[in-house]
């Protein structure tokens, strides 16, 4: 609303009582309300704002008013976001200030209306100005806004309770992954509620009780996910000119990128060391060798990643988890060896593309290049630094 920063009209001051009549608008003794607003009367709540050492009188008045409005917003005593926009215009040497305030309640901008600046105070000159602003806010408007906040709190409480119930149902159906996500969303909503919010639930009556139930649900879902994770044994091979590099000269793990991807997709990673004959038999597709390697790995799946010096780094793709287009995924309990282009094409592998995979592209290439370089250097072959020879 437009505010003309002049001395407040007399009829407004009269409505505030004798205490305010002594507070002249500009230049005289600093009024008491600069330090402490008069609180309230039958119809209004009062808020004061102060700023010091402003470079201009215009800025000084505008900042003091903004400060008073912030004090008004803080008076609601709940966590809300406020949006304050300002505009200053000059006409015939008279400055008009326009401030608009709104509260964000449940994602909806609710304008804060009805307030008005009723008095101002200024002291200073040139580039050092001190200002105070006193504003009045109708109690009727305050009651309306409080009711909106209460409704918003109840809506958020209902959301949290409903998500808790959904998570409990998902957990009972052994859908631990979805249950975990649902519980976490519910906990976020519950954490944004005032502690004294009353919950519409026959059993859970308080916010703290709801948060305790959600924390227990999160813990149970995480344990269920952990127990259901598959274990993948990883073995890295190195081929030089199509021949297998002796295992004593190769890097025996696939490093951090595999662990990152595995964690995102519900897998545990372990390392397995195979002798050269076992590895060659695996590469030849020997089912007995696959079965034996699977038993040795004590894992659900055996992942063999082959690094071949004949292929350049451009062939590495994070989604395929290989550097050469050649990945052998062995089902440990059956010995079935599958040549795959993509792990998520293997039935039962339960691997999907994730943001972690996308973010891990550079890490994957770096890890594979380093491993390939070390392997080749061990057998006396220098790489060109790009994954090839």
Protein backbone atom coordinates (compact mmCIF):
# COMPACT_ATOMS: atom_id res chain seq x y z
CA UNK A 1 0.00 0.00 0.00
CA UNK A 2 1.33 3.52 -0.72
CA UNK A 3 2.76 5.24 2.34
CA UNK A 4 3.46 8.99 2.36
CA UNK A 5 6.29 9.48 4.81
CA UNK A 6 5.04 12.67 6.40
CA UNK A 7 3.82 13.32 9.88
CA UNK A 8 0.85 11.04 10.56
CA UNK A 9 -2.59 12.70 10.46
CA UNK A 10 -3.89 13.83 13.84
CA UNK A 11 -7.02 11.68 13.73
CA UNK A 12 -4.86 8.54 13.55
CA UNK A 13 -2.67 9.61 16.43
CA UNK A 14 -5.71 10.31 18.59
CA UNK A 15 -6.89 6.75 18.12
CA UNK A 16 -3.62 5.51 19.59
CA UNK A 17 -3.89 7.32 22.89
CA UNK A 18 -2.00 10.13 24.58
CA UNK A 19 1.27 8.24 24.76
CA UNK A 20 1.78 8.64 21.03
CA UNK A 21 0.87 12.30 20.84
CA UNK A 22 4.24 13.24 22.28
CA UNK A 23 6.14 11.50 19.47
CA UNK A 24 6.62 14.24 16.91
CA UNK A 25 7.33 12.93 13.44
CA UNK A 26 10.71 14.40 12.60
CA UNK A 27 13.75 15.81 14.28
CA UNK A 28 12.63 16.28 17.90
CA UNK A 29 13.27 14.00 20.86
CA UNK A 30 13.53 10.31 20.03
CA UNK A 31 10.10 8.79 20.86
CA UNK A 32 9.84 5.90 23.26
CA UNK A 33 8.20 3.66 20.64
CA UNK A 34 11.49 3.64 18.67
CA UNK A 35 12.89 1.38 21.37
CA UNK A 36 9.73 -0.44 22.33
CA UNK A 37 6.44 -0.45 20.44
CA UNK A 38 3.34 0.19 22.60
CA UNK A 39 2.15 -3.41 22.14
CA UNK A 40 -1.57 -3.28 21.48
CA UNK A 41 -4.88 -1.65 22.25
CA UNK A 42 -8.46 -2.70 21.65
CA UNK A 43 -8.19 -2.77 17.85
CA UNK A 44 -4.53 -2.78 16.82
CA UNK A 45 -1.15 -4.44 17.32
CA UNK A 46 1.84 -2.09 17.01
CA UNK A 47 5.31 -2.79 15.62
CA UNK A 48 8.29 -0.50 15.34
CA UNK A 49 11.31 -0.66 13.07
CA UNK A 50 14.65 1.12 13.23
CA UNK A 51 17.63 1.69 10.96
CA UNK A 52 20.79 3.74 11.45
CA UNK A 53 23.55 5.32 9.36
CA UNK A 54 21.55 5.19 6.13
CA UNK A 55 23.09 7.18 3.27
CA UNK A 56 19.87 8.97 2.35
CA UNK A 57 16.65 9.95 4.06
CA UNK A 58 14.68 7.96 1.48
CA UNK A 59 16.62 4.76 2.21
CA UNK A 60 16.40 5.44 5.92
CA UNK A 61 12.61 5.63 5.95
CA UNK A 62 12.18 2.66 3.64
CA UNK A 63 14.52 0.44 5.69
CA UNK A 64 12.86 1.39 8.98
CA UNK A 65 9.47 0.50 7.55
CA UNK A 66 10.79 -2.82 6.21
CA UNK A 67 12.22 -3.63 9.62
CA UNK A 68 8.86 -2.94 11.27
CA UNK A 69 7.14 -5.23 8.75
CA UNK A 70 9.63 -8.01 9.51
CA UNK A 71 8.82 -7.65 13.20
CA UNK A 72 5.14 -8.00 12.32
CA UNK A 73 5.79 -11.22 10.38
CA UNK A 74 7.89 -12.66 13.22
CA UNK A 75 5.00 -12.03 15.62
CA UNK A 76 3.04 -14.94 14.14
CA UNK A 77 5.37 -17.28 16.00
CA UNK A 78 5.45 -19.97 13.32
CA UNK A 79 7.89 -20.86 10.59
CA UNK A 80 6.66 -19.05 7.49
CA UNK A 81 8.44 -17.56 4.54
CA UNK A 82 7.72 -13.92 3.83
CA UNK A 83 8.15 -11.92 0.67
CA UNK A 84 8.70 -8.17 0.97
CA UNK A 85 8.87 -6.00 -2.15
CA UNK A 86 9.51 -2.24 -2.13
CA UNK A 87 9.04 0.63 -4.53
CA UNK A 88 9.95 4.32 -4.16
CA UNK A 89 8.53 7.13 -6.28
CA UNK A 90 9.06 10.90 -6.27
CA UNK A 91 6.50 13.55 -7.15
CA UNK A 92 7.07 17.26 -6.57
CA UNK A 93 9.80 16.53 -4.03
CA UNK A 94 7.55 14.22 -2.02
CA UNK A 95 8.53 10.55 -1.77
CA UNK A 96 5.96 7.80 -1.73
CA UNK A 97 7.01 4.36 -0.49
CA UNK A 98 5.15 1.23 -1.46
CA UNK A 99 5.73 -2.03 0.42
CA UNK A 100 3.97 -5.30 -0.28
CA UNK A 101 4.22 -8.23 2.11
CA UNK A 102 2.99 -11.78 1.69
CA UNK A 103 3.38 -14.99 3.67
CA UNK A 104 3.97 -18.31 1.95
CA UNK A 105 1.55 -20.77 3.54
CA UNK A 106 1.49 -24.33 2.18
CA UNK A 107 3.00 -23.12 -1.08
CA UNK A 108 0.42 -20.34 -1.45
CA UNK A 109 1.25 -16.63 -1.27
CA UNK A 110 -1.11 -14.97 1.23
CA UNK A 111 -1.00 -11.14 1.12
CA UNK A 112 -0.54 -9.41 4.47
CA UNK A 113 -3.02 -6.55 4.35
CA UNK A 114 -4.50 -3.90 6.62
CA UNK A 115 -1.27 -2.63 8.18
CA UNK A 116 -0.37 1.06 8.03
CA UNK A 117 2.51 3.29 9.08
CA UNK A 118 1.19 5.75 11.64
CA UNK A 119 4.32 7.59 12.75
CA UNK A 120 7.94 8.11 11.76
CA UNK A 121 11.04 9.60 13.37
CA UNK A 122 14.21 10.87 11.72
CA UNK A 123 17.51 12.25 12.96
CA UNK A 124 20.60 13.06 10.93
CA UNK A 125 21.79 14.78 7.79
CA UNK A 126 23.83 14.25 4.65
CA UNK A 127 24.89 10.59 4.45
CA UNK A 128 24.13 9.50 8.00
CA UNK A 129 20.46 9.14 8.87
CA UNK A 130 18.66 7.33 11.69
CA UNK A 131 14.98 6.50 11.26
CA UNK A 132 12.15 4.77 13.11
CA UNK A 133 8.78 3.69 11.75
CA UNK A 134 5.71 2.68 13.74
CA UNK A 135 3.01 0.63 12.10
CA UNK A 136 -0.40 -0.58 13.25
CA UNK A 137 -1.91 -3.93 12.29
CA UNK A 138 -5.64 -4.63 12.87
CA UNK A 139 -6.33 -7.44 15.31
CA UNK A 140 -9.11 -8.62 13.00
CA UNK A 141 -6.59 -9.16 10.17
CA UNK A 142 -4.20 -10.87 12.58
CA UNK A 143 -6.93 -13.33 13.57
CA UNK A 144 -7.69 -14.11 9.91
CA UNK A 145 -4.03 -14.79 9.11
CA UNK A 146 -3.62 -16.95 12.22
CA UNK A 147 -6.58 -19.03 11.06
CA UNK A 148 -4.94 -19.52 7.66
CA UNK A 149 -1.74 -20.63 9.36
CA UNK A 150 -3.68 -23.04 11.55
CA UNK A 151 -5.39 -24.53 8.50
CA UNK A 152 -2.02 -24.88 6.78
CA UNK A 153 -0.57 -26.66 9.81
CA UNK A 154 -3.50 -29.07 9.89
CA UNK A 155 -3.11 -29.78 6.18
CA UNK A 156 0.58 -30.55 6.66
CA UNK A 157 -0.21 -32.69 9.71
CA UNK A 158 -2.79 -34.64 7.68
CA UNK A 159 -0.22 -35.15 4.92
CA UNK A 160 2.34 -36.47 7.42
CA UNK A 161 -0.17 -38.87 9.00
CA UNK A 162 -1.35 -40.16 5.61
CA UNK A 163 2.23 -40.73 4.45
CA UNK A 164 2.96 -42.59 7.69
CA UNK A 165 -0.01 -44.89 7.04
CA UNK A 166 1.06 -45.43 3.42
CA UNK A 167 4.59 -46.27 4.53
CA UNK A 168 3.29 -48.74 7.10
CA UNK A 169 1.19 -50.47 4.41
CA UNK A 170 4.15 -50.62 2.02
CA UNK A 171 6.38 -52.05 4.73
CA UNK A 172 3.81 -54.75 5.53
CA UNK A 173 3.86 -55.68 1.83
CA UNK A 174 7.68 -55.99 1.98
CA UNK A 175 8.12 -53.00 -0.32
CA UNK A 176 10.89 -51.59 1.82
CA UNK A 177 12.33 -49.20 -0.77
CA UNK A 178 9.04 -47.36 -1.36
CA UNK A 179 8.26 -47.48 2.36
CA UNK A 180 11.58 -45.83 3.18
CA UNK A 181 10.96 -43.00 0.70
CA UNK A 182 7.43 -42.49 2.04
CA UNK A 183 8.54 -42.44 5.68
CA UNK A 184 11.26 -39.91 4.87
CA UNK A 185 8.77 -37.57 3.17
CA UNK A 186 6.44 -37.90 6.15
CA UNK A 187 9.27 -37.12 8.58
CA UNK A 188 10.14 -33.96 6.62
CA UNK A 189 6.51 -32.77 6.85
CA UNK A 190 6.32 -33.62 10.56
CA UNK A 191 9.55 -31.74 11.27
CA UNK A 192 8.02 -28.55 9.86
CA UNK A 193 5.07 -28.66 12.28
CA UNK A 194 4.95 -26.72 15.55
CA UNK A 195 5.44 -29.08 18.49
CA UNK A 196 1.95 -28.40 19.88
CA UNK A 197 0.06 -29.23 16.67
CA UNK A 198 -2.83 -31.60 17.42
CA UNK A 199 -2.89 -34.64 15.11
CA UNK A 200 -6.09 -36.20 13.80
CA UNK A 201 -5.19 -39.81 14.56
CA UNK A 202 -6.76 -42.23 17.07
CA UNK A 203 -3.36 -43.42 18.32
CA UNK A 204 -0.71 -40.82 17.46
CA UNK A 205 -1.72 -37.55 19.09
CA UNK A 206 1.46 -35.47 19.13
CA UNK A 207 4.13 -34.42 16.65
CA UNK A 208 6.88 -35.96 18.78
CA UNK A 209 5.04 -39.30 18.86
CA UNK A 210 4.63 -39.20 15.07
CA UNK A 211 8.32 -38.45 14.55
CA UNK A 212 9.24 -41.36 16.84
CA UNK A 213 7.02 -43.73 14.83
CA UNK A 214 8.46 -42.47 11.56
CA UNK A 215 12.04 -42.84 12.81
CA UNK A 216 11.26 -46.44 13.79
CA UNK A 217 9.71 -47.04 10.35
CA UNK A 218 12.76 -45.60 8.59
CA UNK A 219 15.06 -47.81 10.66
CA UNK A 220 13.02 -50.94 9.91
CA UNK A 221 12.83 -50.18 6.17
CA UNK A 222 16.59 -49.60 6.00
CA UNK A 223 17.22 -52.91 7.77
CA UNK A 224 14.87 -54.74 5.39
CA UNK A 225 16.63 -53.21 2.39
CA UNK A 226 20.01 -54.19 3.81
CA UNK A 227 18.90 -57.77 4.34
CA UNK A 228 17.53 -58.03 0.79
CA UNK A 229 20.58 -56.63 -0.96
CA UNK A 230 22.29 -58.90 -3.44
CA UNK A 231 26.03 -59.40 -3.12
CA UNK A 232 28.12 -58.91 -6.24
CA UNK A 233 31.67 -60.22 -6.39
CA UNK A 234 33.83 -58.14 -8.72
CA UNK A 235 36.91 -59.29 -10.60
CA UNK A 236 38.93 -57.14 -13.02
CA UNK A 237 40.82 -58.73 -15.92
CA UNK A 238 43.36 -57.23 -18.31
CA UNK A 239 43.91 -58.38 -21.88
CA UNK A 240 46.97 -57.34 -23.86
CA UNK A 241 46.69 -58.09 -27.57
CA UNK A 242 43.94 -60.56 -26.80
CA UNK A 243 45.98 -62.44 -24.21
CA UNK A 244 45.21 -62.53 -20.52
CA UNK A 245 47.68 -60.63 -18.35
CA UNK A 246 48.81 -62.81 -15.39
CA UNK A 247 46.71 -62.10 -12.31
CA UNK A 248 49.76 -61.29 -10.23
CA UNK A 249 50.26 -58.24 -12.45
CA UNK A 250 46.74 -56.82 -12.58
CA UNK A 251 44.67 -54.54 -10.42
CA UNK A 252 42.20 -56.68 -8.48
CA UNK A 253 39.36 -54.31 -7.74
CA UNK A 254 37.09 -51.97 -9.65
CA UNK A 255 37.36 -49.10 -7.12
CA UNK A 256 34.97 -46.47 -5.94
CA UNK A 257 32.58 -45.99 -8.86
CA UNK A 258 31.28 -49.56 -8.58
CA UNK A 259 30.56 -49.12 -4.89
CA UNK A 260 28.72 -45.88 -5.58
CA UNK A 261 26.51 -47.46 -8.23
CA UNK A 262 25.96 -50.58 -6.15
CA UNK A 263 24.81 -48.61 -3.12
CA UNK A 264 22.26 -46.74 -5.23
CA UNK A 265 20.87 -50.00 -6.58
CA UNK A 266 20.72 -52.23 -3.51
CA UNK A 267 23.91 -54.25 -4.04
CA UNK A 268 26.82 -55.11 -1.82
CA UNK A 269 30.24 -55.29 -3.45
CA UNK A 270 32.89 -57.84 -2.52
CA UNK A 271 36.16 -58.69 -4.21
CA UNK A 272 37.15 -62.13 -5.47
CA UNK A 273 40.55 -63.33 -6.63
CA UNK A 274 40.52 -66.05 -9.28
CA UNK A 275 43.52 -67.85 -10.69
CA UNK A 276 44.34 -67.57 -14.38
CA UNK A 277 42.88 -70.95 -15.33
CA UNK A 278 39.57 -70.13 -13.63
CA UNK A 279 39.38 -66.81 -15.40
CA UNK A 280 40.21 -68.24 -18.82
CA UNK A 281 37.57 -70.92 -18.37
CA UNK A 282 35.04 -68.22 -17.50
CA UNK A 283 35.93 -66.28 -20.63
CA UNK A 284 35.54 -69.46 -22.67
CA UNK A 285 32.00 -69.84 -21.31
CA UNK A 286 32.69 -72.99 -19.27
CA UNK A 287 29.59 -73.56 -17.10
CA UNK A 288 31.49 -75.65 -14.54
CA UNK A 289 34.05 -72.89 -14.16
CA UNK A 290 31.26 -70.37 -13.70
CA UNK A 291 29.62 -72.53 -11.07
CA UNK A 292 32.93 -72.99 -9.25
CA UNK A 293 33.73 -69.27 -9.36
CA UNK A 294 30.25 -68.45 -8.09
CA UNK A 295 30.67 -70.79 -5.14
CA UNK A 296 34.06 -69.30 -4.38
CA UNK A 297 32.62 -65.79 -4.48
CA UNK A 298 29.81 -66.63 -2.01
CA UNK A 299 27.80 -64.01 -3.84
CA UNK A 300 24.55 -63.78 -5.78
CA UNK A 301 26.33 -62.47 -8.84
CA UNK A 302 29.90 -62.49 -10.15
CA UNK A 303 30.83 -59.46 -12.24
CA UNK A 304 33.93 -59.83 -14.40
CA UNK A 305 35.11 -56.60 -16.02
CA UNK A 306 37.57 -57.02 -18.87
CA UNK A 307 40.02 -54.27 -19.78
CA UNK A 308 41.25 -54.72 -23.36
CA UNK A 309 44.05 -52.55 -24.72
CA UNK A 310 42.59 -52.78 -28.23
CA UNK A 311 39.65 -50.51 -27.38
CA UNK A 312 39.82 -46.78 -26.72
CA UNK A 313 38.14 -44.98 -23.84
CA UNK A 314 35.30 -43.70 -26.04
CA UNK A 315 33.77 -47.19 -25.79
CA UNK A 316 33.33 -46.92 -22.03
CA UNK A 317 29.78 -46.20 -20.94
CA UNK A 318 28.66 -45.72 -17.37
CA UNK A 319 25.25 -47.29 -17.97
CA UNK A 320 26.83 -50.50 -19.17
CA UNK A 321 29.44 -50.66 -16.41
CA UNK A 322 32.17 -51.79 -18.77
CA UNK A 323 35.14 -50.36 -20.60
CA UNK A 324 35.31 -52.73 -23.54
CA UNK A 325 31.79 -53.84 -24.32
CA UNK A 326 32.63 -57.17 -22.74
CA UNK A 327 31.12 -57.90 -19.34
CA UNK A 328 30.42 -61.37 -18.01
CA UNK A 329 27.70 -61.54 -15.37
CA UNK A 330 27.62 -64.96 -13.76
CA UNK A 331 24.66 -66.08 -11.68
CA UNK A 332 26.46 -67.68 -8.78
CA UNK A 333 23.88 -70.27 -7.76
CA UNK A 334 23.34 -71.65 -11.27
CA UNK A 335 26.61 -71.08 -13.04
CA UNK A 336 24.76 -69.43 -15.95
CA UNK A 337 27.11 -67.07 -17.76
CA UNK A 338 25.49 -64.20 -19.63
CA UNK A 339 27.22 -61.88 -22.05
CA UNK A 340 25.40 -58.58 -21.59
CA UNK A 341 25.43 -55.16 -23.15
CA UNK A 342 23.64 -53.65 -20.18
CA UNK A 343 23.25 -54.94 -16.66
CA UNK A 344 19.67 -53.71 -16.48
CA UNK A 345 18.80 -56.10 -19.33
CA UNK A 346 19.61 -59.12 -17.17
CA UNK A 347 16.51 -60.53 -15.53
CA UNK A 348 16.86 -60.34 -11.76
CA UNK A 349 19.81 -57.97 -11.78
CA UNK A 350 17.55 -55.13 -10.57
CA UNK A 351 19.86 -52.42 -11.83
CA UNK A 352 18.38 -49.23 -13.26
CA UNK A 353 19.88 -45.99 -14.42
CA UNK A 354 20.19 -43.51 -11.59
CA UNK A 355 21.40 -39.98 -11.07
CA UNK A 356 24.40 -41.43 -9.27
CA UNK A 357 25.35 -43.27 -12.45
CA UNK A 358 25.09 -40.10 -14.50
CA UNK A 359 27.19 -38.19 -11.99
CA UNK A 360 29.75 -41.01 -11.94
CA UNK A 361 30.69 -40.93 -15.63
CA UNK A 362 33.95 -39.04 -15.21
CA UNK A 363 34.87 -41.06 -12.12
CA UNK A 364 34.28 -44.32 -13.99
CA UNK A 365 36.43 -43.30 -16.93
CA UNK A 366 39.18 -42.11 -14.63
CA UNK A 367 39.14 -45.33 -12.58
CA UNK A 368 39.12 -47.58 -15.64
CA UNK A 369 41.92 -45.62 -17.33
CA UNK A 370 44.04 -45.76 -14.18
CA UNK A 371 43.47 -49.49 -13.78
CA UNK A 372 44.24 -50.16 -17.44
CA UNK A 373 47.36 -48.01 -17.31
CA UNK A 374 48.68 -49.81 -14.22
CA UNK A 375 47.94 -53.22 -15.69
CA UNK A 376 49.64 -52.48 -18.99
CA UNK A 377 52.63 -50.84 -17.33
CA UNK A 378 53.11 -53.97 -15.23
CA UNK A 379 53.69 -55.96 -18.41
CA UNK A 380 55.88 -53.32 -20.02
CA UNK A 381 53.33 -51.58 -22.27
CA UNK A 382 52.91 -47.81 -22.11
CA UNK A 383 49.46 -46.31 -22.76
CA UNK A 384 48.71 -43.07 -24.57
CA UNK A 385 46.83 -41.76 -21.55
CA UNK A 386 43.46 -42.20 -23.22
CA UNK A 387 42.80 -45.82 -22.44
CA UNK A 388 44.41 -47.13 -25.64
CA UNK A 389 47.92 -47.97 -26.83
